[in-house]
């Protein structure tokens, strides 16, 4: 994620040799100085989570995100257990 006025989510499929701009949604980086984070699922390269005031989930490699239901707002961190799959 590039945290700038014209920033957004970028994706690399080659170990960071090249990057592709995939999402410009401001909601994903509305508080970048505080806690905007992106996490990739360890078993599915197209499942991506973005944490911010709300939690978001993408199943298309970050091109679109939907609100991921969680019990609390103000999401700062996430742990993805490799043996448990989330909904």
Protein backbone atom coordinates (compact mmCIF):
# COMPACT_ATOMS: atom_id res chain seq x y z
CA UNK A 1 0.00 0.00 0.00
CA UNK A 2 1.26 3.44 -0.93
CA UNK A 3 0.11 5.96 1.66
CA UNK A 4 -0.26 9.13 -0.40
CA UNK A 5 -2.98 11.28 -1.93
CA UNK A 6 -2.72 9.38 -5.23
CA UNK A 7 -1.70 6.11 -3.56
CA UNK A 8 -3.40 2.78 -3.24
CA UNK A 9 -2.85 -0.95 -3.17
CA UNK A 10 -0.17 -2.51 -5.34
CA UNK A 11 0.46 -6.20 -5.97
CA UNK A 12 3.55 -8.16 -6.90
CA UNK A 13 3.48 -11.73 -8.18
CA UNK A 14 7.22 -12.05 -8.75
CA UNK A 15 8.83 -11.44 -5.36
CA UNK A 16 8.68 -7.63 -5.66
CA UNK A 17 10.61 -7.40 -8.95
CA UNK A 18 7.57 -5.61 -10.46
CA UNK A 19 4.39 -4.11 -9.02
CA UNK A 20 0.89 -3.62 -10.44
CA UNK A 21 -1.55 -0.94 -9.20
CA UNK A 22 -4.78 -2.78 -8.28
CA UNK A 23 -6.91 -0.55 -6.03
CA UNK A 24 -7.30 3.17 -5.34
CA UNK A 25 -10.08 3.03 -2.72
CA UNK A 26 -9.48 5.75 -0.15
CA UNK A 27 -11.24 3.73 2.60
CA UNK A 28 -8.27 1.35 2.68
CA UNK A 29 -5.81 4.10 3.61
CA UNK A 30 -7.92 6.65 5.46
CA UNK A 31 -5.60 6.69 8.51
CA UNK A 32 -2.22 5.63 7.10
CA UNK A 33 -0.12 7.37 9.72
CA UNK A 34 -1.85 5.30 12.39
CA UNK A 35 -2.68 1.77 11.26
CA UNK A 36 -3.41 0.96 7.63
CA UNK A 37 -2.17 -2.58 7.01
CA UNK A 38 -2.58 -5.24 4.33
CA UNK A 39 -2.22 -8.99 4.96
CA UNK A 40 -2.11 -11.79 2.40
CA UNK A 41 -3.65 -15.16 3.15
CA UNK A 42 -0.94 -17.81 3.47
CA UNK A 43 -2.91 -20.40 1.48
CA UNK A 44 -4.65 -18.32 -1.19
CA UNK A 45 -2.72 -15.59 -3.01
CA UNK A 46 -5.94 -13.90 -4.11
CA UNK A 47 -7.30 -13.48 -0.58
CA UNK A 48 -6.13 -10.24 0.99
CA UNK A 49 -7.21 -8.48 4.18
CA UNK A 50 -6.93 -4.73 4.78
CA UNK A 51 -7.21 -3.31 8.29
CA UNK A 52 -8.24 0.21 9.11
CA UNK A 53 -11.20 1.64 10.98
CA UNK A 54 -13.08 -1.35 9.54
CA UNK A 55 -11.68 -4.68 8.37
CA UNK A 56 -11.91 -5.51 4.65
CA UNK A 57 -11.45 -8.69 2.65
CA UNK A 58 -10.65 -9.20 -1.02
CA UNK A 59 -10.88 -12.50 -2.87
CA UNK A 60 -9.66 -11.15 -6.21
CA UNK A 61 -6.11 -10.16 -5.33
CA UNK A 62 -6.96 -6.73 -3.94
CA UNK A 63 -8.97 -5.35 -6.85
CA UNK A 64 -12.16 -5.11 -4.77
CA UNK A 65 -12.72 -5.21 -1.01
CA UNK A 66 -15.84 -5.88 1.06
CA UNK A 67 -16.29 -5.20 4.76
CA UNK A 68 -15.16 -8.22 6.74
CA UNK A 69 -17.39 -8.66 9.80
CA UNK A 70 -15.50 -8.37 13.05
CA UNK A 71 -16.58 -7.82 16.66
CA UNK A 72 -14.74 -4.51 17.00
CA UNK A 73 -13.76 -1.49 14.93
CA UNK A 74 -10.38 0.19 15.10
CA UNK A 75 -8.46 -2.79 13.71
CA UNK A 76 -4.69 -2.61 14.24
CA UNK A 77 -3.35 -6.10 13.66
CA UNK A 78 -4.26 -9.55 12.40
CA UNK A 79 -2.96 -13.08 12.66
CA UNK A 80 -3.83 -15.67 10.02
CA UNK A 81 -3.52 -19.22 11.36
CA UNK A 82 -2.29 -21.49 8.59
CA UNK A 83 -4.46 -24.38 9.83
CA UNK A 84 -7.74 -22.48 10.14
CA UNK A 85 -9.66 -20.99 7.22
CA UNK A 86 -11.88 -17.94 7.79
CA UNK A 87 -15.23 -17.31 6.13
